[in-house]
PDB file of N, CA and C in Angstrom:
ATOM      1  N   SER A   1      -9.732  11.646  -5.109  1.00  0.00           N
ATOM      2  CA  SER A   1     -10.011  11.394  -3.696  1.00  0.00           C
ATOM      3  C   SER A   1      -8.734  10.984  -2.971  1.00  0.00           C
ATOM      4  N   THR A   2      -8.760  11.072  -1.669  1.00  0.00           N
ATOM      5  CA  THR A   2      -7.616  10.663  -0.851  1.00  0.00           C
ATOM      6  C   THR A   2      -7.301   9.192  -1.071  1.00  0.00           C
ATOM      7  N   GLU A   3      -8.354   8.342  -1.132  1.00  0.00           N
ATOM      8  CA  GLU A   3      -8.142   6.903  -1.327  1.00  0.00           C
ATOM      9  C   GLU A   3      -7.418   6.633  -2.633  1.00  0.00           C
ATOM     10  N   GLN A   4      -7.852   7.337  -3.700  1.00  0.00           N
ATOM     11  CA  GLN A   4      -7.237   7.116  -5.015  1.00  0.00           C
ATOM     12  C   GLN A   4      -5.793   7.604  -5.031  1.00  0.00           C
ATOM     13  N   THR A   5      -5.521   8.695  -4.324  1.00  0.00           N
ATOM     14  CA  THR A   5      -4.151   9.216  -4.254  1.00  0.00           C
ATOM     15  C   THR A   5      -3.250   8.230  -3.518  1.00  0.00           C
ATOM     16  N   ILE A   6      -3.735   7.715  -2.385  1.00  0.00           N
ATOM     17  CA  ILE A   6      -2.966   6.732  -1.616  1.00  0.00           C
ATOM     18  C   ILE A   6      -2.736   5.485  -2.467  1.00  0.00           C
ATOM     19  N   ALA A   7      -3.777   5.036  -3.155  1.00  0.00           N
ATOM     20  CA  ALA A   7      -3.678   3.845  -4.006  1.00  0.00           C
ATOM     21  C   ALA A   7      -2.601   4.038  -5.078  1.00  0.00           C
ATOM     22  N   LYS A   8      -2.632   5.191  -5.742  1.00  0.00           N
ATOM     23  CA  LYS A   8      -1.659   5.487  -6.800  1.00  0.00           C
ATOM     24  C   LYS A   8      -0.249   5.550  -6.218  1.00  0.00           C
ATOM     25  N   ASN A   9      -0.099   6.194  -5.073  1.00  0.00           N
ATOM     26  CA  ASN A   9       1.214   6.309  -4.436  1.00  0.00           C
ATOM     27  C   ASN A   9       1.755   4.937  -4.040  1.00  0.00           C
ATOM     28  N   LEU A  10       0.881   4.077  -3.498  1.00  0.00           N
ATOM     29  CA  LEU A  10       1.308   2.724  -3.119  1.00  0.00           C
ATOM     30  C   LEU A  10       1.784   1.949  -4.341  1.00  0.00           C
ATOM     31  N   ARG A  11       1.001   2.025  -5.414  1.00  0.00           N
ATOM     32  CA  ARG A  11       1.340   1.298  -6.647  1.00  0.00           C
ATOM     33  C   ARG A  11       2.690   1.772  -7.196  1.00  0.00           C
ATOM     34  N   GLU A  12       2.871   3.092  -7.280  1.00  0.00           N
ATOM     35  CA  GLU A  12       4.120   3.633  -7.821  1.00  0.00           C
ATOM     36  C   GLU A  12       5.307   3.281  -6.935  1.00  0.00           C
ATOM     37  N   LEU A  13       5.110   3.363  -5.633  1.00  0.00           N
ATOM     38  CA  LEU A  13       6.173   3.035  -4.680  1.00  0.00           C
ATOM     39  C   LEU A  13       6.553   1.564  -4.789  1.00  0.00           C
ATOM     40  N   ARG A  14       5.532   0.689  -4.846  1.00  0.00           N
ATOM     41  CA  ARG A  14       5.786  -0.755  -4.957  1.00  0.00           C
ATOM     42  C   ARG A  14       6.571  -1.061  -6.226  1.00  0.00           C
ATOM     43  N   LYS A  15       6.159  -0.447  -7.339  1.00  0.00           N
ATOM     44  CA  LYS A  15       6.856  -0.707  -8.604  1.00  0.00           C
ATOM     45  C   LYS A  15       8.284  -0.187  -8.555  1.00  0.00           C
ATOM     46  N   SER A  16       8.498   0.955  -7.905  1.00  0.00           N
ATOM     47  CA  SER A  16       9.850   1.519  -7.803  1.00  0.00           C
ATOM     48  C   SER A  16      10.764   0.624  -6.963  1.00  0.00           C
ATOM     49  N   LYS A  17      10.158  -0.172  -6.067  1.00  0.00           N
ATOM     50  CA  LYS A  17      10.931  -1.097  -5.229  1.00  0.00           C
ATOM     51  C   LYS A  17      11.038  -2.483  -5.870  1.00  0.00           C
ATOM     52  N   HIS A  18      10.449  -2.627  -7.067  1.00  0.00           N
ATOM     53  CA  HIS A  18      10.466  -3.901  -7.810  1.00  0.00           C
ATOM     54  C   HIS A  18       9.892  -5.038  -6.967  1.00  0.00           C
ATOM     55  N   MET A  19       8.777  -4.755  -6.305  1.00  0.00           N
ATOM     56  CA  MET A  19       8.102  -5.769  -5.486  1.00  0.00           C
ATOM     57  C   MET A  19       6.763  -6.125  -6.128  1.00  0.00           C
ATOM     58  N   THR A  20       6.337  -7.362  -5.917  1.00  0.00           N
ATOM     59  CA  THR A  20       5.013  -7.766  -6.395  1.00  0.00           C
ATOM     60  C   THR A  20       3.989  -7.434  -5.321  1.00  0.00           C
ATOM     61  N   GLN A  21       2.723  -7.439  -5.718  1.00  0.00           N
ATOM     62  CA  GLN A  21       1.646  -7.223  -4.737  1.00  0.00           C
ATOM     63  C   GLN A  21       1.705  -8.309  -3.668  1.00  0.00           C
ATOM     64  N   THR A  22       2.013  -9.529  -4.074  1.00  0.00           N
ATOM     65  CA  THR A  22       2.084 -10.648  -3.127  1.00  0.00           C
ATOM     66  C   THR A  22       3.187 -10.425  -2.097  1.00  0.00           C
ATOM     67  N   GLU A  23       4.338  -9.958  -2.540  1.00  0.00           N
ATOM     68  CA  GLU A  23       5.450  -9.707  -1.615  1.00  0.00           C
ATOM     69  C   GLU A  23       5.066  -8.660  -0.566  1.00  0.00           C
ATOM     70  N   VAL A  24       4.450  -7.597  -1.019  1.00  0.00           N
ATOM     71  CA  VAL A  24       4.027  -6.535  -0.088  1.00  0.00           C
ATOM     72  C   VAL A  24       2.989  -7.083   0.879  1.00  0.00           C
ATOM     73  N   ALA A  25       2.006  -7.796   0.341  1.00  0.00           N
ATOM     74  CA  ALA A  25       0.928  -8.348   1.166  1.00  0.00           C
ATOM     75  C   ALA A  25       1.466  -9.300   2.229  1.00  0.00           C
ATOM     76  N   GLN A  26       2.381 -10.174   1.826  1.00  0.00           N
ATOM     77  CA  GLN A  26       2.948 -11.132   2.784  1.00  0.00           C
ATOM     78  C   GLN A  26       3.686 -10.412   3.903  1.00  0.00           C
ATOM     79  N   LYS A  27       4.496  -9.419   3.548  1.00  0.00           N
ATOM     80  CA  LYS A  27       5.239  -8.664   4.557  1.00  0.00           C
ATOM     81  C   LYS A  27       4.290  -7.894   5.481  1.00  0.00           C
ATOM     82  N   ALA A  28       3.183  -7.422   4.926  1.00  0.00           N
ATOM     83  CA  ALA A  28       2.219  -6.642   5.701  1.00  0.00           C
ATOM     84  C   ALA A  28       1.213  -7.532   6.434  1.00  0.00           C
ATOM     85  N   LYS A  29       1.328  -8.841   6.228  1.00  0.00           N
ATOM     86  CA  LYS A  29       0.442  -9.829   6.860  1.00  0.00           C
ATOM     87  C   LYS A  29      -1.030  -9.636   6.493  1.00  0.00           C
ATOM     88  N   ILE A  30      -1.260  -9.387   5.190  1.00  0.00           N
ATOM     89  CA  ILE A  30      -2.626  -9.336   4.667  1.00  0.00           C
ATOM     90  C   ILE A  30      -2.667 -10.183   3.399  1.00  0.00           C
ATOM     91  N   SER A  31      -3.864 -10.477   2.920  1.00  0.00           N
ATOM     92  CA  SER A  31      -3.970 -11.284   1.703  1.00  0.00           C
ATOM     93  C   SER A  31      -3.602 -10.437   0.485  1.00  0.00           C
ATOM     94  N   THR A  32      -3.125 -11.113  -0.547  1.00  0.00           N
ATOM     95  CA  THR A  32      -2.791 -10.424  -1.794  1.00  0.00           C
ATOM     96  C   THR A  32      -4.035  -9.740  -2.349  1.00  0.00           C
ATOM     97  N   ASN A  33      -5.168 -10.420  -2.271  1.00  0.00           N
ATOM     98  CA  ASN A  33      -6.422  -9.874  -2.777  1.00  0.00           C
ATOM     99  C   ASN A  33      -6.776  -8.569  -2.061  1.00  0.00           C
ATOM    100  N   HIS A  34      -6.640  -8.551  -0.748  1.00  0.00           N
ATOM    101  CA  HIS A  34      -6.942  -7.344   0.035  1.00  0.00           C
ATOM    102  C   HIS A  34      -5.984  -6.220  -0.344  1.00  0.00           C
ATOM    103  N   TYR A  35      -4.696  -6.546  -0.470  1.00  0.00           N
ATOM    104  CA  TYR A  35      -3.726  -5.518  -0.857  1.00  0.00           C
ATOM    105  C   TYR A  35      -4.057  -4.968  -2.245  1.00  0.00           C
ATOM    106  N   ALA A  36      -4.391  -5.848  -3.167  1.00  0.00           N
ATOM    107  CA  ALA A  36      -4.717  -5.418  -4.539  1.00  0.00           C
ATOM    108  C   ALA A  36      -5.893  -4.450  -4.530  1.00  0.00           C
ATOM    109  N   LYS A  37      -6.891  -4.729  -3.688  1.00  0.00           N
ATOM    110  CA  LYS A  37      -8.058  -3.842  -3.592  1.00  0.00           C
ATOM    111  C   LYS A  37      -7.672  -2.480  -3.008  1.00  0.00           C
ATOM    112  N   ILE A  38      -6.766  -2.492  -2.046  1.00  0.00           N
ATOM    113  CA  ILE A  38      -6.285  -1.225  -1.470  1.00  0.00           C
ATOM    114  C   ILE A  38      -5.548  -0.434  -2.552  1.00  0.00           C
ATOM    115  N   GLU A  39      -4.719  -1.128  -3.315  1.00  0.00           N
ATOM    116  CA  GLU A  39      -3.926  -0.465  -4.353  1.00  0.00           C
ATOM    117  C   GLU A  39      -4.805   0.053  -5.487  1.00  0.00           C
ATOM    118  N   ARG A  40      -5.965  -0.562  -5.680  1.00  0.00           N
ATOM    119  CA  ARG A  40      -6.905  -0.081  -6.705  1.00  0.00           C
ATOM    120  C   ARG A  40      -7.853   0.984  -6.143  1.00  0.00           C
ATOM    121  N   GLY A  41      -7.759   1.237  -4.838  1.00  0.00           N
ATOM    122  CA  GLY A  41      -8.633   2.228  -4.224  1.00  0.00           C
ATOM    123  C   GLY A  41     -10.044   1.726  -4.007  1.00  0.00           C
ATOM    124  N   GLU A  42     -10.230   0.396  -4.058  1.00  0.00           N
ATOM    125  CA  GLU A  42     -11.566  -0.188  -3.886  1.00  0.00           C
ATOM    126  C   GLU A  42     -11.951  -0.325  -2.423  1.00  0.00           C
ATOM    127  N   VAL A  43     -10.945  -0.514  -1.567  1.00  0.00           N
ATOM    128  CA  VAL A  43     -11.210  -0.571  -0.127  1.00  0.00           C
ATOM    129  C   VAL A  43     -10.248   0.379   0.566  1.00  0.00           C
ATOM    130  N   ILE A  44     -10.654   0.848   1.714  1.00  0.00           N
ATOM    131  CA  ILE A  44      -9.822   1.750   2.500  1.00  0.00           C
ATOM    132  C   ILE A  44      -9.143   0.936   3.590  1.00  0.00           C
ATOM    133  N   ALA A  45      -7.831   1.010   3.633  1.00  0.00           N
ATOM    134  CA  ALA A  45      -7.075   0.271   4.647  1.00  0.00           C
ATOM    135  C   ALA A  45      -7.220   0.952   6.000  1.00  0.00           C
ATOM    136  N   THR A  46      -7.186   0.153   7.038  1.00  0.00           N
ATOM    137  CA  THR A  46      -7.131   0.733   8.379  1.00  0.00           C
ATOM    138  C   THR A  46      -5.758   1.376   8.556  1.00  0.00           C
ATOM    139  N   ILE A  47      -5.645   2.236   9.524  1.00  0.00           N
ATOM    140  CA  ILE A  47      -4.363   2.877   9.817  1.00  0.00           C
ATOM    141  C   ILE A  47      -3.303   1.813  10.119  1.00  0.00           C
ATOM    142  N   THR A  48      -3.687   0.798  10.888  1.00  0.00           N
ATOM    143  CA  THR A  48      -2.749  -0.271  11.252  1.00  0.00           C
ATOM    144  C   THR A  48      -2.249  -0.995  10.010  1.00  0.00           C
ATOM    145  N   THR A  49      -3.165  -1.342   9.118  1.00  0.00           N
ATOM    146  CA  THR A  49      -2.790  -2.039   7.885  1.00  0.00           C
ATOM    147  C   THR A  49      -1.929  -1.149   7.011  1.00  0.00           C
ATOM    148  N   LEU A  50      -2.322   0.105   6.887  1.00  0.00           N
ATOM    149  CA  LEU A  50      -1.557   1.044   6.078  1.00  0.00           C
ATOM    150  C   LEU A  50      -0.138   1.194   6.624  1.00  0.00           C
ATOM    151  N   GLU A  51      -0.015   1.243   7.930  1.00  0.00           N
ATOM    152  CA  GLU A  51       1.300   1.343   8.558  1.00  0.00           C
ATOM    153  C   GLU A  51       2.160   0.128   8.200  1.00  0.00           C
ATOM    154  N   ARG A  52       1.560  -1.075   8.262  1.00  0.00           N
ATOM    155  CA  ARG A  52       2.309  -2.292   7.930  1.00  0.00           C
ATOM    156  C   ARG A  52       2.709  -2.316   6.450  1.00  0.00           C
ATOM    157  N   ILE A  53       1.811  -1.849   5.587  1.00  0.00           N
ATOM    158  CA  ILE A  53       2.111  -1.807   4.155  1.00  0.00           C
ATOM    159  C   ILE A  53       3.274  -0.852   3.889  1.00  0.00           C
ATOM    160  N   ILE A  54       3.192   0.329   4.467  1.00  0.00           N
ATOM    161  CA  ILE A  54       4.238   1.334   4.255  1.00  0.00           C
ATOM    162  C   ILE A  54       5.579   0.823   4.770  1.00  0.00           C
ATOM    163  N   LYS A  55       5.570   0.182   5.937  1.00  0.00           N
ATOM    164  CA  LYS A  55       6.813  -0.386   6.478  1.00  0.00           C
ATOM    165  C   LYS A  55       7.327  -1.505   5.584  1.00  0.00           C
ATOM    166  N   SER A  56       6.427  -2.315   5.049  1.00  0.00           N
ATOM    167  CA  SER A  56       6.854  -3.430   4.199  1.00  0.00           C
ATOM    168  C   SER A  56       7.484  -2.925   2.894  1.00  0.00           C
ATOM    169  N   LEU A  57       7.125  -1.708   2.511  1.00  0.00           N
ATOM    170  CA  LEU A  57       7.711  -1.096   1.322  1.00  0.00           C
ATOM    171  C   LEU A  57       9.000  -0.344   1.669  1.00  0.00           C
ATOM    172  N   GLY A  58       9.351  -0.327   2.949  1.00  0.00           N
ATOM    173  CA  GLY A  58      10.549   0.402   3.364  1.00  0.00           C
ATOM    174  C   GLY A  58      10.406   1.894   3.141  1.00  0.00           C
ATOM    175  N   ALA A  59       9.188   2.391   3.328  1.00  0.00           N
ATOM    176  CA  ALA A  59       8.900   3.792   3.038  1.00  0.00           C
ATOM    177  C   ALA A  59       8.473   4.527   4.306  1.00  0.00           C
ATOM    178  N   LYS A  60       8.235   5.815   4.148  1.00  0.00           N
ATOM    179  CA  LYS A  60       7.708   6.642   5.230  1.00  0.00           C
ATOM    180  C   LYS A  60       6.269   6.990   4.895  1.00  0.00           C
ATOM    181  N   SER A  61       5.486   7.292   5.915  1.00  0.00           N
ATOM    182  CA  SER A  61       4.082   7.639   5.656  1.00  0.00           C
ATOM    183  C   SER A  61       3.974   8.840   4.712  1.00  0.00           C
ATOM    184  N   SER A  62       4.924   9.752   4.802  1.00  0.00           N
ATOM    185  CA  SER A  62       4.885  10.947   3.929  1.00  0.00           C
ATOM    186  C   SER A  62       5.101  10.596   2.465  1.00  0.00           C
ATOM    187  N   ASP A  63       5.631   9.392   2.192  1.00  0.00           N
ATOM    188  CA  ASP A  63       5.807   8.948   0.803  1.00  0.00           C
ATOM    189  C   ASP A  63       4.478   8.526   0.179  1.00  0.00           C
ATOM    190  N   VAL A  64       3.511   8.217   1.036  1.00  0.00           N
ATOM    191  CA  VAL A  64       2.253   7.634   0.571  1.00  0.00           C
ATOM    192  C   VAL A  64       1.055   8.546   0.831  1.00  0.00           C
ATOM    193  N   LEU A  65       1.005   9.128   2.011  1.00  0.00           N
ATOM    194  CA  LEU A  65      -0.150   9.924   2.414  1.00  0.00           C
ATOM    195  C   LEU A  65      -0.081  11.327   1.819  1.00  0.00           C
ATOM    196  N   PRO A  66      -1.206  11.808   1.296  1.00  0.00           N
ATOM    197  CA  PRO A  66      -1.217  13.124   0.635  1.00  0.00           C
ATOM    198  C   PRO A  66      -1.459  14.283   1.614  1.00  0.00           C
ATOM    199  N   PHE A  67      -1.327  14.022   2.911  1.00  0.00           N
ATOM    200  CA  PHE A  67      -1.572  15.107   3.875  1.00  0.00           C
ATOM    201  C   PHE A  67      -0.509  15.114   4.948  1.00  0.00           C
TER     202      PHE A  67
END
């Protein structure tokens, strides 16, 4: 699914940047728990949240989104 692809891309990107889930969550102004659920594909992030997460990873949307 799209959610699972985004989740996998976020996880791989975060690990490649040597960041913890907490670091990403803090930069994106969301809770670590919420970020962890997004990264596991359990919840779908809003566009606004996804934008903040991608920016906090220093990435582009094309690095994460499968479309």
